[in-house]
Amino acid sequence: MYATHTPNLLSDALERAYSRSLLDATQQPLQLGKAIRQLGRLIGRGAAATGRFIASVINAQAEARARDMRYSRTPW
């Protein structure tokens, strides 16, 4: 009943043709392997960056300890 009062309603044939043309225009084969490889690369880069950050923090702490030991005037 409400469908007859809607001015922008497409007929079934037009709606099917419109949706079919949209599906045909945007349909691409699923490339799951490529997506998995890209995700793997992204995770690898993130892990490498995290490792470099942790290493720099450890090095900075070691340098600070060495400087502190050098100038503390204690024999130890």
C-alpha atoms as a PDB file:
ATOM      1  CA  MET A   1       0.000   0.000   0.000  1.00  0.00           C
ATOM      2  CA  TYR A   2       2.755   2.448   0.877  1.00  0.00           C
ATOM      3  CA  ALA A   3       4.793   1.475  -2.183  1.00  0.00           C
ATOM      4  CA  THR A   4       2.258   3.080  -4.507  1.00  0.00           C
ATOM      5  CA  HIS A   5       2.672   6.434  -2.787  1.00  0.00           C
ATOM      6  CA  THR A   6       6.439   6.553  -3.195  1.00  0.00           C
ATOM      7  CA  PRO A   7       7.392   8.717  -6.197  1.00  0.00           C
ATOM      8  CA  ASN A   8      10.981   7.385  -6.636  1.00  0.00           C
ATOM      9  CA  LEU A   9      10.166   3.694  -6.697  1.00  0.00           C
ATOM     10  CA  LEU A  10      11.791   1.782  -9.559  1.00  0.00           C
ATOM     11  CA  SER A  11      10.050  -1.050 -11.288  1.00  0.00           C
ATOM     12  CA  ASP A  12      11.378  -4.541 -10.621  1.00  0.00           C
ATOM     13  CA  ALA A  13      12.974  -4.818 -14.055  1.00  0.00           C
ATOM     14  CA  LEU A  14      14.740  -1.454 -13.716  1.00  0.00           C
ATOM     15  CA  GLU A  15      15.889  -2.271 -10.208  1.00  0.00           C
ATOM     16  CA  ARG A  16      17.310  -5.637 -11.321  1.00  0.00           C
ATOM     17  CA  ALA A  17      19.084  -4.053 -14.278  1.00  0.00           C
ATOM     18  CA  TYR A  18      20.495  -1.295 -12.096  1.00  0.00           C
ATOM     19  CA  SER A  19      21.788  -3.698  -9.440  1.00  0.00           C
ATOM     20  CA  ARG A  20      23.196  -6.063 -12.059  1.00  0.00           C
ATOM     21  CA  SER A  21      25.085  -3.207 -13.733  1.00  0.00           C
ATOM     22  CA  LEU A  22      26.475  -2.117 -10.369  1.00  0.00           C
ATOM     23  CA  LEU A  23      27.606  -5.635  -9.548  1.00  0.00           C
ATOM     24  CA  ASP A  24      29.215  -6.076 -12.955  1.00  0.00           C
ATOM     25  CA  ALA A  25      31.039  -2.755 -12.707  1.00  0.00           C
ATOM     26  CA  THR A  26      32.450  -3.344  -9.224  1.00  0.00           C
ATOM     27  CA  GLN A  27      33.022  -7.083  -9.301  1.00  0.00           C
ATOM     28  CA  GLN A  28      36.657  -8.009  -8.909  1.00  0.00           C
ATOM     29  CA  PRO A  29      38.094 -11.406  -8.136  1.00  0.00           C
ATOM     30  CA  LEU A  30      38.850 -12.005  -4.498  1.00  0.00           C
ATOM     31  CA  GLN A  31      42.589 -11.847  -3.966  1.00  0.00           C
ATOM     32  CA  LEU A  32      42.893 -13.374  -0.537  1.00  0.00           C
ATOM     33  CA  GLY A  33      46.537 -14.350  -0.944  1.00  0.00           C
ATOM     34  CA  LYS A  34      47.550 -10.819  -1.862  1.00  0.00           C
ATOM     35  CA  ALA A  35      45.668  -9.391   1.105  1.00  0.00           C
ATOM     36  CA  ILE A  36      47.309 -11.886   3.460  1.00  0.00           C
ATOM     37  CA  ARG A  37      50.765 -11.031   2.098  1.00  0.00           C
ATOM     38  CA  GLN A  38      50.126  -7.312   2.548  1.00  0.00           C
ATOM     39  CA  LEU A  39      48.901  -7.888   6.087  1.00  0.00           C
ATOM     40  CA  GLY A  40      51.980  -9.997   6.815  1.00  0.00           C
ATOM     41  CA  ARG A  41      54.271  -7.260   5.508  1.00  0.00           C
ATOM     42  CA  LEU A  42      52.465  -4.678   7.613  1.00  0.00           C
ATOM     43  CA  ILE A  43      52.779  -6.817  10.749  1.00  0.00           C
ATOM     44  CA  GLY A  44      56.464  -7.437   9.966  1.00  0.00           C
ATOM     45  CA  ARG A  45      57.170  -3.744   9.583  1.00  0.00           C
ATOM     46  CA  GLY A  46      55.367  -2.993  12.827  1.00  0.00           C
ATOM     47  CA  ALA A  47      57.309  -5.691  14.665  1.00  0.00           C
ATOM     48  CA  ALA A  48      60.618  -4.420  13.268  1.00  0.00           C
ATOM     49  CA  ALA A  49      59.820  -0.839  14.267  1.00  0.00           C
ATOM     50  CA  THR A  50      58.804  -1.980  17.751  1.00  0.00           C
ATOM     51  CA  GLY A  51      62.034  -3.970  18.070  1.00  0.00           C
ATOM     52  CA  ARG A  52      64.130  -0.983  17.008  1.00  0.00           C
ATOM     53  CA  PHE A  53      62.317   1.225  19.533  1.00  0.00           C
ATOM     54  CA  ILE A  54      62.864  -1.256  22.372  1.00  0.00           C
ATOM     55  CA  ALA A  55      66.540  -1.595  21.436  1.00  0.00           C
ATOM     56  CA  SER A  56      67.007   2.182  21.448  1.00  0.00           C
ATOM     57  CA  VAL A  57      65.365   2.448  24.880  1.00  0.00           C
ATOM     58  CA  ILE A  58      67.609  -0.306  26.256  1.00  0.00           C
ATOM     59  CA  ASN A  59      70.684   1.382  24.770  1.00  0.00           C
ATOM     60  CA  ALA A  60      69.664   4.742  26.205  1.00  0.00           C
ATOM     61  CA  GLN A  61      69.216   3.193  29.648  1.00  0.00           C
ATOM     62  CA  ALA A  62      72.599   1.458  29.440  1.00  0.00           C
ATOM     63  CA  GLU A  63      74.307   4.704  28.392  1.00  0.00           C
ATOM     64  CA  ALA A  64      72.635   6.585  31.235  1.00  0.00           C
ATOM     65  CA  ARG A  65      73.784   3.948  33.734  1.00  0.00           C
ATOM     66  CA  ALA A  66      77.314   4.090  32.347  1.00  0.00           C
ATOM     67  CA  ARG A  67      77.402   7.888  32.606  1.00  0.00           C
ATOM     68  CA  ASP A  68      76.025   7.758  36.122  1.00  0.00           C
ATOM     69  CA  MET A  69      78.638   5.199  37.201  1.00  0.00           C
ATOM     70  CA  ARG A  70      81.412   7.192  35.600  1.00  0.00           C
ATOM     71  CA  TYR A  71      80.624  10.447  37.415  1.00  0.00           C
ATOM     72  CA  SER A  72      79.306   9.186  40.756  1.00  0.00           C
ATOM     73  CA  ARG A  73      82.776   9.223  42.449  1.00  0.00           C
ATOM     74  CA  THR A  74      82.179   5.784  43.899  1.00  0.00           C
ATOM     75  CA  PRO A  75      84.591   2.931  43.412  1.00  0.00           C
ATOM     76  CA  TRP A  76      81.835   0.606  42.257  1.00  0.00           C
END
